[in-house]
Amino acid sequence: MSDEQEPEPIADPIDIELEALYAQLDAAVAERAPVCQISGRCCRFREYGHTLFLSSIEFAYLVANAPPPIRPIDDGATCPWQDRVGRCTARTARPLGCRVYFCDPAYEGEAPELTEQFLGLLKRLAERHDRTWQYAPLHRHLRDREPSSADADSIAPIGEGPAANAGRQGPASGLAAGFFS
């Protein structure tokens, strides 16, 4: 039996830059001081008339760094990482759209500006790392993953092939409404 420990995995450089981008965004949101009432509306997409869009970079980061979903993956009605009380169980790994969305009426006009600004930075991050820009609803990303087992609620490794490249492509401009449309 060896006393050697397994080496820590080396972080993907894009993840390090994404975390820095998220920290900048979180600081920008904090400056605007929106109030979260922990209503859970942000994660009940269909009930409140919005869809969470995210990039493939964010999706890969989310599934690699968040705990497994605690709810069944549905057809887009809800977020599988929302607990019964309405809290996010993937909070540290949540995507840009989740970070800018608040139900606070005083903040409502701030989210589109922040979204446009940081979506542009996110797209440049993808370009610098030669990653495909795929911008699509959360549930499309979830559906496009290849199942790893008969367990329909599990998250499988990201698939390669045509489904991995589906989704919205193009410039960041005009996409702010897409995060929660």
C-alpha atoms as a PDB file:
ATOM      1  CA  MET A   1       0.000   0.000   0.000  1.00  0.00           C
ATOM      2  CA  SER A   2       1.409   3.373  -0.992  1.00  0.00           C
ATOM      3  CA  ASP A   3       1.305   6.494   1.179  1.00  0.00           C
ATOM      4  CA  GLU A   4       1.356   8.692  -1.913  1.00  0.00           C
ATOM      5  CA  GLN A   5      -1.632  10.948  -2.379  1.00  0.00           C
ATOM      6  CA  GLU A   6      -3.306  11.486  -5.711  1.00  0.00           C
ATOM      7  CA  PRO A   7      -2.213  14.783  -7.254  1.00  0.00           C
ATOM      8  CA  GLU A   8      -4.808  17.547  -7.324  1.00  0.00           C
ATOM      9  CA  PRO A   9      -6.337  17.923 -10.793  1.00  0.00           C
ATOM     10  CA  ILE A  10      -4.984  20.888 -12.708  1.00  0.00           C
ATOM     11  CA  ALA A  11      -7.623  23.538 -13.230  1.00  0.00           C
ATOM     12  CA  ASP A  12      -8.551  24.333 -16.809  1.00  0.00           C
ATOM     13  CA  PRO A  13      -7.268  27.865 -17.564  1.00  0.00           C
ATOM     14  CA  ILE A  14     -10.664  28.829 -18.963  1.00  0.00           C
ATOM     15  CA  ASP A  15     -12.256  27.910 -15.623  1.00  0.00           C
ATOM     16  CA  ILE A  16      -9.846  30.195 -13.779  1.00  0.00           C
ATOM     17  CA  GLU A  17     -10.704  33.070 -16.118  1.00  0.00           C
ATOM     18  CA  LEU A  18     -14.422  32.289 -15.896  1.00  0.00           C
ATOM     19  CA  GLU A  19     -14.251  32.410 -12.095  1.00  0.00           C
ATOM     20  CA  ALA A  20     -12.533  35.814 -12.313  1.00  0.00           C
ATOM     21  CA  LEU A  21     -15.231  37.042 -14.723  1.00  0.00           C
ATOM     22  CA  TYR A  22     -17.938  35.796 -12.350  1.00  0.00           C
ATOM     23  CA  ALA A  23     -16.207  37.601  -9.436  1.00  0.00           C
ATOM     24  CA  GLN A  24     -16.206  40.848 -11.439  1.00  0.00           C
ATOM     25  CA  LEU A  25     -19.878  40.377 -12.292  1.00  0.00           C
ATOM     26  CA  ASP A  26     -20.792  39.594  -8.678  1.00  0.00           C
ATOM     27  CA  ALA A  27     -19.025  42.806  -7.594  1.00  0.00           C
ATOM     28  CA  ALA A  28     -20.874  44.835 -10.249  1.00  0.00           C
ATOM     29  CA  VAL A  29     -24.204  43.376  -9.120  1.00  0.00           C
ATOM     30  CA  ALA A  30     -23.343  44.030  -5.460  1.00  0.00           C
ATOM     31  CA  GLU A  31     -22.672  47.706  -6.277  1.00  0.00           C
ATOM     32  CA  ARG A  32     -26.273  47.954  -7.493  1.00  0.00           C
ATOM     33  CA  ALA A  33     -27.505  46.221  -4.303  1.00  0.00           C
ATOM     34  CA  PRO A  34     -30.536  44.290  -5.595  1.00  0.00           C
ATOM     35  CA  VAL A  35     -32.617  42.550  -2.951  1.00  0.00           C
ATOM     36  CA  CYS A  36     -33.166  38.796  -3.147  1.00  0.00           C
ATOM     37  CA  GLN A  37     -36.353  37.759  -1.382  1.00  0.00           C
ATOM     38  CA  ILE A  38     -35.556  34.043  -1.833  1.00  0.00           C
ATOM     39  CA  SER A  39     -38.898  33.617  -3.565  1.00  0.00           C
ATOM     40  CA  GLY A  40     -37.532  30.984  -5.956  1.00  0.00           C
ATOM     41  CA  ARG A  41     -39.164  32.697  -8.939  1.00  0.00           C
ATOM     42  CA  CYS A  42     -35.811  32.825 -10.707  1.00  0.00           C
ATOM     43  CA  CYS A  43     -35.775  29.020 -10.978  1.00  0.00           C
ATOM     44  CA  ARG A  44     -39.419  28.428 -11.856  1.00  0.00           C
ATOM     45  CA  PHE A  45     -38.964  29.334 -15.492  1.00  0.00           C
ATOM     46  CA  ARG A  46     -42.307  28.451 -17.050  1.00  0.00           C
ATOM     47  CA  GLU A  47     -44.391  29.712 -14.129  1.00  0.00           C
ATOM     48  CA  TYR A  48     -42.767  33.166 -14.342  1.00  0.00           C
ATOM     49  CA  GLY A  49     -42.320  33.326 -18.118  1.00  0.00           C
ATOM     50  CA  HIS A  50     -38.576  33.176 -18.577  1.00  0.00           C
ATOM     51  CA  THR A  51     -35.877  30.872 -19.921  1.00  0.00           C
ATOM     52  CA  LEU A  52     -32.323  30.588 -18.639  1.00  0.00           C
ATOM     53  CA  PHE A  53     -29.810  30.834 -21.488  1.00  0.00           C
ATOM     54  CA  LEU A  54     -26.145  30.049 -20.972  1.00  0.00           C
ATOM     55  CA  SER A  55     -23.064  29.368 -23.016  1.00  0.00           C
ATOM     56  CA  SER A  56     -21.490  25.955 -23.437  1.00  0.00           C
ATOM     57  CA  ILE A  57     -18.499  27.182 -21.400  1.00  0.00           C
ATOM     58  CA  GLU A  58     -20.769  28.058 -18.506  1.00  0.00           C
ATOM     59  CA  PHE A  59     -22.660  24.794 -18.839  1.00  0.00           C
ATOM     60  CA  ALA A  60     -19.448  22.752 -18.697  1.00  0.00           C
ATOM     61  CA  TYR A  61     -18.364  24.714 -15.631  1.00  0.00           C
ATOM     62  CA  LEU A  62     -21.774  24.271 -13.992  1.00  0.00           C
ATOM     63  CA  VAL A  63     -21.926  20.492 -14.346  1.00  0.00           C
ATOM     64  CA  ALA A  64     -18.257  20.087 -13.349  1.00  0.00           C
ATOM     65  CA  ASN A  65     -18.487  22.246 -10.226  1.00  0.00           C
ATOM     66  CA  ALA A  66     -22.062  22.053  -8.946  1.00  0.00           C
ATOM     67  CA  PRO A  67     -23.491  19.176  -6.948  1.00  0.00           C
ATOM     68  CA  PRO A  68     -25.721  16.834  -8.939  1.00  0.00           C
ATOM     69  CA  PRO A  69     -29.207  18.203  -9.626  1.00  0.00           C
ATOM     70  CA  ILE A  70     -31.601  17.488  -6.789  1.00  0.00           C
ATOM     71  CA  ARG A  71     -34.747  17.621  -8.916  1.00  0.00           C
ATOM     72  CA  PRO A  72     -35.614  15.640 -12.004  1.00  0.00           C
ATOM     73  CA  ILE A  73     -34.612  17.301 -15.251  1.00  0.00           C
ATOM     74  CA  ASP A  74     -37.879  18.426 -16.806  1.00  0.00           C
ATOM     75  CA  ASP A  75     -38.819  19.987 -20.147  1.00  0.00           C
ATOM     76  CA  GLY A  76     -37.647  23.470 -19.144  1.00  0.00           C
ATOM     77  CA  ALA A  77     -40.226  24.384 -16.526  1.00  0.00           C
ATOM     78  CA  THR A  78     -37.816  24.551 -13.582  1.00  0.00           C
ATOM     79  CA  CYS A  79     -34.165  24.515 -12.637  1.00  0.00           C
ATOM     80  CA  PRO A  80     -33.010  21.079 -11.474  1.00  0.00           C
ATOM     81  CA  TRP A  81     -30.677  22.714  -8.918  1.00  0.00           C
ATOM     82  CA  GLN A  82     -33.455  24.485  -6.959  1.00  0.00           C
ATOM     83  CA  ASP A  83     -34.249  22.955  -3.568  1.00  0.00           C
ATOM     84  CA  ARG A  84     -37.708  22.666  -1.998  1.00  0.00           C
ATOM     85  CA  VAL A  85     -37.287  25.965  -0.140  1.00  0.00           C
ATOM     86  CA  GLY A  86     -36.413  27.836  -3.349  1.00  0.00           C
ATOM     87  CA  ARG A  87     -32.653  28.113  -2.862  1.00  0.00           C
ATOM     88  CA  CYS A  88     -29.978  27.348  -5.431  1.00  0.00           C
ATOM     89  CA  THR A  89     -27.862  24.291  -4.695  1.00  0.00           C
ATOM     90  CA  ALA A  90     -25.425  25.234  -7.502  1.00  0.00           C
ATOM     91  CA  ARG A  91     -24.856  28.774  -6.239  1.00  0.00           C
ATOM     92  CA  THR A  92     -21.056  28.979  -6.602  1.00  0.00           C
ATOM     93  CA  ALA A  93     -21.154  27.467 -10.123  1.00  0.00           C
ATOM     94  CA  ARG A  94     -24.296  29.242 -11.352  1.00  0.00           C
ATOM     95  CA  PRO A  95     -24.099  30.902 -14.780  1.00  0.00           C
ATOM     96  CA  LEU A  96     -24.140  34.581 -15.686  1.00  0.00           C
ATOM     97  CA  GLY A  97     -27.913  34.659 -16.212  1.00  0.00           C
ATOM     98  CA  CYS A  98     -28.534  33.493 -12.655  1.00  0.00           C
ATOM     99  CA  ARG A  99     -26.039  36.002 -11.267  1.00  0.00           C
ATOM    100  CA  VAL A 100     -27.776  39.011 -12.855  1.00  0.00           C
ATOM    101  CA  TYR A 101     -31.410  37.982 -12.312  1.00  0.00           C
ATOM    102  CA  PHE A 102     -33.255  39.429  -9.314  1.00  0.00           C
ATOM    103  CA  CYS A 103     -36.979  39.953  -8.746  1.00  0.00           C
ATOM    104  CA  ASP A 104     -36.268  43.365  -7.163  1.00  0.00           C
ATOM    105  CA  PRO A 105     -38.292  45.944  -9.184  1.00  0.00           C
ATOM    106  CA  ALA A 106     -35.747  48.682  -8.352  1.00  0.00           C
ATOM    107  CA  TYR A 107     -33.002  46.626 -10.051  1.00  0.00           C
ATOM    108  CA  GLU A 108     -34.988  45.441 -13.087  1.00  0.00           C
ATOM    109  CA  GLY A 109     -33.433  47.901 -15.556  1.00  0.00           C
ATOM    110  CA  GLU A 110     -29.869  47.099 -14.461  1.00  0.00           C
ATOM    111  CA  ALA A 111     -29.764  43.439 -15.522  1.00  0.00           C
ATOM    112  CA  PRO A 112     -29.796  43.947 -19.321  1.00  0.00           C
ATOM    113  CA  GLU A 113     -26.824  46.340 -19.206  1.00  0.00           C
ATOM    114  CA  LEU A 114     -24.775  43.982 -17.026  1.00  0.00           C
ATOM    115  CA  THR A 115     -25.774  41.019 -19.145  1.00  0.00           C
ATOM    116  CA  GLU A 116     -24.641  42.658 -22.384  1.00  0.00           C
ATOM    117  CA  GLN A 117     -21.351  43.768 -20.868  1.00  0.00           C
ATOM    118  CA  PHE A 118     -20.448  40.419 -19.323  1.00  0.00           C
ATOM    119  CA  LEU A 119     -21.846  38.313 -22.156  1.00  0.00           C
ATOM    120  CA  GLY A 120     -19.417  40.138 -24.452  1.00  0.00           C
ATOM    121  CA  LEU A 121     -16.550  39.348 -22.059  1.00  0.00           C
ATOM    122  CA  LEU A 122     -17.672  35.730 -21.900  1.00  0.00           C
ATOM    123  CA  LYS A 123     -17.731  35.443 -25.674  1.00  0.00           C
ATOM    124  CA  ARG A 124     -14.201  36.905 -25.912  1.00  0.00           C
ATOM    125  CA  LEU A 125     -13.103  34.366 -23.297  1.00  0.00           C
ATOM    126  CA  ALA A 126     -14.413  31.572 -25.527  1.00  0.00           C
ATOM    127  CA  GLU A 127     -12.622  33.030 -28.544  1.00  0.00           C
ATOM    128  CA  ARG A 128      -9.303  33.364 -26.676  1.00  0.00           C
ATOM    129  CA  HIS A 129      -9.486  29.697 -25.708  1.00  0.00           C
ATOM    130  CA  ASP A 130     -10.674  28.584 -29.155  1.00  0.00           C
ATOM    131  CA  ARG A 131     -13.940  27.210 -27.757  1.00  0.00           C
ATOM    132  CA  THR A 132     -17.110  26.901 -29.790  1.00  0.00           C
ATOM    133  CA  TRP A 133     -19.682  29.547 -28.881  1.00  0.00           C
ATOM    134  CA  GLN A 134     -22.932  27.754 -28.133  1.00  0.00           C
ATOM    135  CA  TYR A 135     -25.581  29.884 -26.446  1.00  0.00           C
ATOM    136  CA  ALA A 136     -28.780  28.012 -25.677  1.00  0.00           C
ATOM    137  CA  PRO A 137     -31.386  27.343 -22.980  1.00  0.00           C
ATOM    138  CA  LEU A 138     -30.200  25.338 -19.977  1.00  0.00           C
ATOM    139  CA  HIS A 139     -32.531  22.475 -20.840  1.00  0.00           C
ATOM    140  CA  ARG A 140     -31.203  22.236 -24.393  1.00  0.00           C
ATOM    141  CA  HIS A 141     -27.702  21.818 -22.970  1.00  0.00           C
ATOM    142  CA  LEU A 142     -29.054  19.176 -20.598  1.00  0.00           C
ATOM    143  CA  ARG A 143     -30.882  17.324 -23.405  1.00  0.00           C
ATOM    144  CA  ASP A 144     -27.853  17.453 -25.706  1.00  0.00           C
ATOM    145  CA  ARG A 145     -25.748  15.530 -23.222  1.00  0.00           C
ATOM    146  CA  GLU A 146     -25.400  11.843 -23.922  1.00  0.00           C
ATOM    147  CA  PRO A 147     -26.864   9.685 -21.146  1.00  0.00           C
ATOM    148  CA  SER A 148     -24.243   7.751 -19.214  1.00  0.00           C
ATOM    149  CA  SER A 149     -26.686   5.258 -17.722  1.00  0.00           C
ATOM    150  CA  ALA A 150     -30.314   4.261 -17.605  1.00  0.00           C
ATOM    151  CA  ASP A 151     -30.762   6.895 -14.891  1.00  0.00           C
ATOM    152  CA  ALA A 152     -32.490   9.715 -16.791  1.00  0.00           C
ATOM    153  CA  ASP A 153     -31.774  12.176 -13.989  1.00  0.00           C
ATOM    154  CA  SER A 154     -28.003  11.764 -14.090  1.00  0.00           C
ATOM    155  CA  ILE A 155     -25.706  14.201 -15.830  1.00  0.00           C
ATOM    156  CA  ALA A 156     -23.505  12.551 -18.439  1.00  0.00           C
ATOM    157  CA  PRO A 157     -20.277  13.802 -20.019  1.00  0.00           C
ATOM    158  CA  ILE A 158     -20.742  16.462 -22.662  1.00  0.00           C
ATOM    159  CA  GLY A 159     -21.284  14.881 -26.045  1.00  0.00           C
ATOM    160  CA  GLU A 160     -19.317  15.630 -29.157  1.00  0.00           C
ATOM    161  CA  GLY A 161     -21.070  15.729 -32.501  1.00  0.00           C
ATOM    162  CA  PRO A 162     -23.875  17.768 -34.052  1.00  0.00           C
ATOM    163  CA  ALA A 163     -25.952  18.202 -30.895  1.00  0.00           C
ATOM    164  CA  ALA A 164     -22.963  19.732 -29.099  1.00  0.00           C
ATOM    165  CA  ASN A 165     -22.828  22.498 -31.692  1.00  0.00           C
ATOM    166  CA  ALA A 166     -26.547  23.276 -31.797  1.00  0.00           C
ATOM    167  CA  GLY A 167     -27.843  26.528 -30.395  1.00  0.00           C
ATOM    168  CA  ARG A 168     -27.505  30.207 -30.936  1.00  0.00           C
ATOM    169  CA  GLN A 169     -24.273  31.408 -32.486  1.00  0.00           C
ATOM    170  CA  GLY A 170     -23.097  34.910 -33.211  1.00  0.00           C
ATOM    171  CA  PRO A 171     -22.244  38.179 -31.543  1.00  0.00           C
ATOM    172  CA  ALA A 172     -23.141  38.984 -27.966  1.00  0.00           C
ATOM    173  CA  SER A 173     -25.009  42.138 -28.917  1.00  0.00           C
ATOM    174  CA  GLY A 174     -28.758  41.910 -28.488  1.00  0.00           C
ATOM    175  CA  LEU A 175     -28.705  38.735 -26.395  1.00  0.00           C
ATOM    176  CA  ALA A 176     -29.299  40.251 -22.951  1.00  0.00           C
ATOM    177  CA  ALA A 177     -32.981  39.434 -23.017  1.00  0.00           C
ATOM    178  CA  GLY A 178     -32.066  35.824 -23.732  1.00  0.00           C
ATOM    179  CA  PHE A 179     -30.736  34.997 -20.298  1.00  0.00           C
ATOM    180  CA  PHE A 180     -34.173  35.291 -18.846  1.00  0.00           C
ATOM    181  CA  SER A 181     -36.543  36.064 -21.670  1.00  0.00           C
END
